[in-house]
Amino acid sequence: MNPDGIDRRIGARIRIERESRGWSLSDLAVRAGISRAMVFKVERGESSPTANLLGKLSGAFGLSMSTLMARAEMQQGRLSRKAEQPVWTDPQTGYLRRHVSPRTDLPLDLVRIELPAGRAVPMPASAYAFQRQLIWVLEGELVFVEGTVRHTMAAGDCLELGPPVGCVFRNDSDGPCTYAVVVLRQG
């Protein structure tokens, strides 16, 4: 997929979510804790949002980042072919996100993440509201910092996230880390 096209679709989806709630640009900026100018740039597709920024925006809407991204990226259907799965890259960290599961009415999203060596992606607690998650390390090593608790995970390890707190996904190793995030939406 064209990265610029993804940025435009994400921006359009954010605008739709904002307008459907009757919020101004300033309302969303305050709720997400970011500048009005940044919301404006993202909505117009003029700025590629970071994973952290998307976490703040989705949290402001009361959505998971996976739900927001699925609404922006995917067509409805039961089969999600690899060649058609939306891929998004965080411009700040090189974090690569592939939405694997099809967009259906099931309350579950499956996302595959590739985190480059030496990179970290912080996520605000608001990104985890109204959902439960599992992190399953497929290859490499992942350090997941959940509030004040540090989980060091290797290939095959699986962690259920606790109550929503600010967290950081870190790859402190010399090689890439690939992990799956299973999101069960609630309420």
C-alpha atoms as a PDB file:
ATOM      1  CA  MET A   1       0.000   0.000   0.000  1.00  0.00           C
ATOM      2  CA  ASN A   2       1.086   3.550  -0.712  1.00  0.00           C
ATOM      3  CA  PRO A   3       2.297   5.128   2.565  1.00  0.00           C
ATOM      4  CA  ASP A   4       0.875   8.519   1.554  1.00  0.00           C
ATOM      5  CA  GLY A   5      -2.492   6.858   0.871  1.00  0.00           C
ATOM      6  CA  ILE A   6      -2.486   5.312   4.328  1.00  0.00           C
ATOM      7  CA  ASP A   7      -1.722   8.681   5.928  1.00  0.00           C
ATOM      8  CA  ARG A   8      -4.635  10.252   4.028  1.00  0.00           C
ATOM      9  CA  ARG A   9      -7.008   7.428   5.021  1.00  0.00           C
ATOM     10  CA  ILE A  10      -5.933   7.667   8.677  1.00  0.00           C
ATOM     11  CA  GLY A  11      -6.435  11.437   8.592  1.00  0.00           C
ATOM     12  CA  ALA A  12      -9.850  11.098   6.968  1.00  0.00           C
ATOM     13  CA  ARG A  13     -10.885   8.519   9.572  1.00  0.00           C
ATOM     14  CA  ILE A  14      -9.775  10.762  12.422  1.00  0.00           C
ATOM     15  CA  ARG A  15     -11.805  13.619  10.950  1.00  0.00           C
ATOM     16  CA  ILE A  16     -14.863  11.332  10.595  1.00  0.00           C
ATOM     17  CA  GLU A  17     -14.517  10.153  14.209  1.00  0.00           C
ATOM     18  CA  ARG A  18     -14.119  13.751  15.429  1.00  0.00           C
ATOM     19  CA  GLU A  19     -17.011  15.141  13.409  1.00  0.00           C
ATOM     20  CA  SER A  20     -19.333  12.258  14.304  1.00  0.00           C
ATOM     21  CA  ARG A  21     -18.899  13.285  17.956  1.00  0.00           C
ATOM     22  CA  GLY A  22     -19.532  16.958  17.170  1.00  0.00           C
ATOM     23  CA  TRP A  23     -16.023  17.912  18.335  1.00  0.00           C
ATOM     24  CA  SER A  24     -13.959  20.811  16.997  1.00  0.00           C
ATOM     25  CA  LEU A  25     -10.254  20.436  16.214  1.00  0.00           C
ATOM     26  CA  SER A  26      -9.580  22.131  19.561  1.00  0.00           C
ATOM     27  CA  ASP A  27     -11.891  19.715  21.413  1.00  0.00           C
ATOM     28  CA  LEU A  28      -9.987  16.718  20.056  1.00  0.00           C
ATOM     29  CA  ALA A  29      -6.611  18.330  20.726  1.00  0.00           C
ATOM     30  CA  VAL A  30      -7.500  18.932  24.373  1.00  0.00           C
ATOM     31  CA  ARG A  31      -8.931  15.426  24.856  1.00  0.00           C
ATOM     32  CA  ALA A  32      -5.853  13.805  23.246  1.00  0.00           C
ATOM     33  CA  GLY A  33      -3.328  16.099  24.912  1.00  0.00           C
ATOM     34  CA  ILE A  34      -1.789  17.254  21.624  1.00  0.00           C
ATOM     35  CA  SER A  35      -1.695  20.519  19.691  1.00  0.00           C
ATOM     36  CA  ARG A  36      -4.559  21.679  17.487  1.00  0.00           C
ATOM     37  CA  ALA A  37      -2.035  22.239  14.679  1.00  0.00           C
ATOM     38  CA  MET A  38      -0.959  18.583  14.848  1.00  0.00           C
ATOM     39  CA  VAL A  39      -4.579  17.354  14.666  1.00  0.00           C
ATOM     40  CA  PHE A  40      -5.094  19.616  11.635  1.00  0.00           C
ATOM     41  CA  LYS A  41      -1.957  18.286   9.865  1.00  0.00           C
ATOM     42  CA  VAL A  42      -2.852  14.648  10.569  1.00  0.00           C
ATOM     43  CA  GLU A  43      -6.454  15.071   9.381  1.00  0.00           C
ATOM     44  CA  ARG A  44      -5.245  16.623   6.118  1.00  0.00           C
ATOM     45  CA  GLY A  45      -2.703  13.816   5.571  1.00  0.00           C
ATOM     46  CA  GLU A  46       0.143  16.361   5.770  1.00  0.00           C
ATOM     47  CA  SER A  47       1.851  14.610   8.678  1.00  0.00           C
ATOM     48  CA  SER A  48       2.426  10.917   9.205  1.00  0.00           C
ATOM     49  CA  PRO A  49       1.348  10.287  12.812  1.00  0.00           C
ATOM     50  CA  THR A  50       3.568   8.333  15.178  1.00  0.00           C
ATOM     51  CA  ALA A  51       2.300   5.273  17.035  1.00  0.00           C
ATOM     52  CA  ASN A  52       2.255   7.313  20.252  1.00  0.00           C
ATOM     53  CA  LEU A  53       0.170  10.057  18.637  1.00  0.00           C
ATOM     54  CA  LEU A  54      -2.290   7.497  17.228  1.00  0.00           C
ATOM     55  CA  GLY A  55      -2.549   5.985  20.710  1.00  0.00           C
ATOM     56  CA  LYS A  56      -3.484   9.394  22.138  1.00  0.00           C
ATOM     57  CA  LEU A  57      -6.034  10.091  19.392  1.00  0.00           C
ATOM     58  CA  SER A  58      -7.674   6.667  19.587  1.00  0.00           C
ATOM     59  CA  GLY A  59      -7.822   6.943  23.386  1.00  0.00           C
ATOM     60  CA  ALA A  60      -9.556  10.326  23.095  1.00  0.00           C
ATOM     61  CA  PHE A  61     -12.230   8.634  20.958  1.00  0.00           C
ATOM     62  CA  GLY A  62     -12.583   5.737  23.405  1.00  0.00           C
ATOM     63  CA  LEU A  63     -11.283   3.355  20.722  1.00  0.00           C
ATOM     64  CA  SER A  64      -8.316   1.035  20.595  1.00  0.00           C
ATOM     65  CA  MET A  65      -5.579   1.948  18.151  1.00  0.00           C
ATOM     66  CA  SER A  66      -6.402  -1.295  16.319  1.00  0.00           C
ATOM     67  CA  THR A  67     -10.045  -0.283  15.900  1.00  0.00           C
ATOM     68  CA  LEU A  68      -9.143   3.192  14.656  1.00  0.00           C
ATOM     69  CA  MET A  69      -6.599   1.759  12.197  1.00  0.00           C
ATOM     70  CA  ALA A  70      -8.991  -0.958  10.991  1.00  0.00           C
ATOM     71  CA  ARG A  71     -11.660   1.647  10.292  1.00  0.00           C
ATOM     72  CA  ALA A  72      -9.132   3.653   8.284  1.00  0.00           C
ATOM     73  CA  GLU A  73      -7.433   0.803   6.459  1.00  0.00           C
ATOM     74  CA  MET A  74      -9.725  -2.104   5.761  1.00  0.00           C
ATOM     75  CA  GLN A  75     -12.686  -3.217   3.744  1.00  0.00           C
ATOM     76  CA  GLN A  76     -15.364  -5.431   5.328  1.00  0.00           C
ATOM     77  CA  GLY A  77     -15.001  -9.178   4.743  1.00  0.00           C
ATOM     78  CA  ARG A  78     -14.151 -12.506   6.296  1.00  0.00           C
ATOM     79  CA  LEU A  79     -10.873 -13.231   4.445  1.00  0.00           C
ATOM     80  CA  SER A  80      -7.774 -11.106   4.902  1.00  0.00           C
ATOM     81  CA  ARG A  81      -5.150 -11.993   2.296  1.00  0.00           C
ATOM     82  CA  LYS A  82      -1.559 -11.095   3.165  1.00  0.00           C
ATOM     83  CA  ALA A  83      -1.091  -9.034  -0.002  1.00  0.00           C
ATOM     84  CA  GLU A  84      -4.140  -6.918   0.921  1.00  0.00           C
ATOM     85  CA  GLN A  85      -3.445  -6.519   4.643  1.00  0.00           C
ATOM     86  CA  PRO A  86      -2.827  -2.895   5.586  1.00  0.00           C
ATOM     87  CA  VAL A  87       0.748  -2.143   6.611  1.00  0.00           C
ATOM     88  CA  TRP A  88       1.700   1.050   8.404  1.00  0.00           C
ATOM     89  CA  THR A  89       5.151   2.247   9.479  1.00  0.00           C
ATOM     90  CA  ASP A  90       5.725   4.613  12.393  1.00  0.00           C
ATOM     91  CA  PRO A  91       7.866   7.410  10.900  1.00  0.00           C
ATOM     92  CA  GLN A  92       9.641   7.968  14.218  1.00  0.00           C
ATOM     93  CA  THR A  93      10.732   4.423  15.126  1.00  0.00           C
ATOM     94  CA  GLY A  94      10.367   2.275  11.998  1.00  0.00           C
ATOM     95  CA  TYR A  95       7.828   0.125  13.907  1.00  0.00           C
ATOM     96  CA  LEU A  96       5.938  -1.833  11.227  1.00  0.00           C
ATOM     97  CA  ARG A  97       2.290  -2.707  11.902  1.00  0.00           C
ATOM     98  CA  ARG A  98       0.341  -5.228   9.815  1.00  0.00           C
ATOM     99  CA  HIS A  99      -3.369  -5.610  10.535  1.00  0.00           C
ATOM    100  CA  VAL A 100      -3.801  -9.370   9.999  1.00  0.00           C
ATOM    101  CA  SER A 101      -7.410 -10.060  10.972  1.00  0.00           C
ATOM    102  CA  PRO A 102     -10.281  -9.247   8.631  1.00  0.00           C
ATOM    103  CA  ARG A 103     -12.605  -6.383   9.495  1.00  0.00           C
ATOM    104  CA  THR A 104     -15.683  -8.179  10.760  1.00  0.00           C
ATOM    105  CA  ASP A 105     -18.146  -7.693  13.555  1.00  0.00           C
ATOM    106  CA  LEU A 106     -16.079  -9.971  15.816  1.00  0.00           C
ATOM    107  CA  PRO A 107     -14.767  -8.042  18.827  1.00  0.00           C
ATOM    108  CA  LEU A 108     -11.195  -9.153  18.079  1.00  0.00           C
ATOM    109  CA  ASP A 109      -8.238  -7.698  16.171  1.00  0.00           C
ATOM    110  CA  LEU A 110      -4.989  -9.493  15.362  1.00  0.00           C
ATOM    111  CA  VAL A 111      -1.992  -7.300  14.595  1.00  0.00           C
ATOM    112  CA  ARG A 112       1.585  -8.287  13.686  1.00  0.00           C
ATOM    113  CA  ILE A 113       4.330  -5.875  14.756  1.00  0.00           C
ATOM    114  CA  GLU A 114       7.973  -5.687  13.735  1.00  0.00           C
ATOM    115  CA  LEU A 115      10.000  -3.544  16.135  1.00  0.00           C
ATOM    116  CA  PRO A 116      13.526  -2.715  14.931  1.00  0.00           C
ATOM    117  CA  ALA A 117      16.537  -3.248  17.191  1.00  0.00           C
ATOM    118  CA  GLY A 118      17.172  -0.541  19.743  1.00  0.00           C
ATOM    119  CA  ARG A 119      13.744   1.098  19.356  1.00  0.00           C
ATOM    120  CA  ALA A 120      10.997   1.910  21.851  1.00  0.00           C
ATOM    121  CA  VAL A 121       7.340   2.843  21.330  1.00  0.00           C
ATOM    122  CA  PRO A 122       5.514   4.450  24.273  1.00  0.00           C
ATOM    123  CA  MET A 123       1.721   4.177  24.474  1.00  0.00           C
ATOM    124  CA  PRO A 124      -0.568   6.172  26.770  1.00  0.00           C
ATOM    125  CA  ALA A 125      -2.996   4.391  29.082  1.00  0.00           C
ATOM    126  CA  SER A 126      -5.897   5.847  27.076  1.00  0.00           C
ATOM    127  CA  ALA A 127      -4.905   3.606  24.148  1.00  0.00           C
ATOM    128  CA  TYR A 128      -5.944   0.561  26.225  1.00  0.00           C
ATOM    129  CA  ALA A 129      -9.355   1.650  27.452  1.00  0.00           C
ATOM    130  CA  PHE A 130     -12.328  -0.654  26.758  1.00  0.00           C
ATOM    131  CA  GLN A 131     -10.207  -3.599  25.641  1.00  0.00           C
ATOM    132  CA  ARG A 132      -8.104  -6.546  26.765  1.00  0.00           C
ATOM    133  CA  GLN A 133      -4.877  -7.533  25.052  1.00  0.00           C
ATOM    134  CA  LEU A 134      -2.379 -10.316  24.723  1.00  0.00           C
ATOM    135  CA  ILE A 135       1.169  -9.859  23.451  1.00  0.00           C
ATOM    136  CA  TRP A 136       2.748 -12.951  21.892  1.00  0.00           C
ATOM    137  CA  VAL A 137       6.436 -12.736  20.932  1.00  0.00           C
ATOM    138  CA  LEU A 138       7.008 -14.581  17.655  1.00  0.00           C
ATOM    139  CA  GLU A 139      10.724 -13.831  17.095  1.00  0.00           C
ATOM    140  CA  GLY A 140      13.410 -11.997  19.007  1.00  0.00           C
ATOM    141  CA  GLU A 141      13.122 -10.336  22.402  1.00  0.00           C
ATOM    142  CA  LEU A 142      10.678  -7.734  23.703  1.00  0.00           C
ATOM    143  CA  VAL A 143      10.783  -5.678  26.870  1.00  0.00           C
ATOM    144  CA  PHE A 144       7.292  -4.527  27.758  1.00  0.00           C
ATOM    145  CA  VAL A 145       7.128  -1.902  30.493  1.00  0.00           C
ATOM    146  CA  GLU A 146       3.625  -1.725  31.962  1.00  0.00           C
ATOM    147  CA  GLY A 147       3.518   1.215  34.361  1.00  0.00           C
ATOM    148  CA  THR A 148       6.303   0.334  36.814  1.00  0.00           C
ATOM    149  CA  VAL A 149       6.389  -3.379  35.941  1.00  0.00           C
ATOM    150  CA  ARG A 150       8.971  -4.637  33.443  1.00  0.00           C
ATOM    151  CA  HIS A 151       8.316  -7.847  31.483  1.00  0.00           C
ATOM    152  CA  THR A 152      11.265  -9.325  29.557  1.00  0.00           C
ATOM    153  CA  MET A 153       9.880 -11.673  26.908  1.00  0.00           C
ATOM    154  CA  ALA A 154      11.456 -14.117  24.451  1.00  0.00           C
ATOM    155  CA  ALA A 155      10.079 -15.948  21.407  1.00  0.00           C
ATOM    156  CA  GLY A 156       7.026 -17.991  22.397  1.00  0.00           C
ATOM    157  CA  ASP A 157       6.216 -15.948  25.516  1.00  0.00           C
ATOM    158  CA  CYS A 158       2.691 -14.533  25.808  1.00  0.00           C
ATOM    159  CA  LEU A 159       1.525 -11.819  28.218  1.00  0.00           C
ATOM    160  CA  GLU A 160      -1.958 -10.639  29.134  1.00  0.00           C
ATOM    161  CA  LEU A 161      -1.951  -6.900  29.763  1.00  0.00           C
ATOM    162  CA  GLY A 162      -3.283  -5.661  33.073  1.00  0.00           C
ATOM    163  CA  PRO A 163      -5.469  -2.603  33.694  1.00  0.00           C
ATOM    164  CA  PRO A 164      -4.772   0.393  31.431  1.00  0.00           C
ATOM    165  CA  VAL A 165      -1.529   2.191  32.337  1.00  0.00           C
ATOM    166  CA  GLY A 166       1.076   3.986  30.275  1.00  0.00           C
ATOM    167  CA  CYS A 167       3.438   1.445  28.754  1.00  0.00           C
ATOM    168  CA  VAL A 168       6.451   1.095  26.477  1.00  0.00           C
ATOM    169  CA  PHE A 169       7.243  -1.591  23.916  1.00  0.00           C
ATOM    170  CA  ARG A 170      11.071  -1.848  23.764  1.00  0.00           C
ATOM    171  CA  ASN A 171      13.507  -3.861  21.734  1.00  0.00           C
ATOM    172  CA  ASP A 172      16.807  -3.625  23.599  1.00  0.00           C
ATOM    173  CA  SER A 173      18.401  -6.381  21.495  1.00  0.00           C
ATOM    174  CA  ASP A 174      20.642  -6.186  18.415  1.00  0.00           C
ATOM    175  CA  GLY A 175      18.053  -7.850  16.170  1.00  0.00           C
ATOM    176  CA  PRO A 176      14.453  -7.192  15.152  1.00  0.00           C
ATOM    177  CA  CYS A 177      11.547  -8.359  17.306  1.00  0.00           C
ATOM    178  CA  THR A 178       8.293  -9.627  15.825  1.00  0.00           C
ATOM    179  CA  TYR A 179       5.240  -9.998  18.014  1.00  0.00           C
ATOM    180  CA  ALA A 180       1.488 -10.361  17.688  1.00  0.00           C
ATOM    181  CA  VAL A 181      -1.028  -8.277  19.580  1.00  0.00           C
ATOM    182  CA  VAL A 182      -4.465  -9.808  20.087  1.00  0.00           C
ATOM    183  CA  VAL A 183      -7.026  -7.173  21.028  1.00  0.00           C
ATOM    184  CA  LEU A 184     -10.403  -8.113  22.478  1.00  0.00           C
ATOM    185  CA  ARG A 185     -12.662  -5.073  22.398  1.00  0.00           C
ATOM    186  CA  GLN A 186     -15.135  -4.632  25.251  1.00  0.00           C
ATOM    187  CA  GLY A 187     -18.150  -2.403  25.596  1.00  0.00           C
END
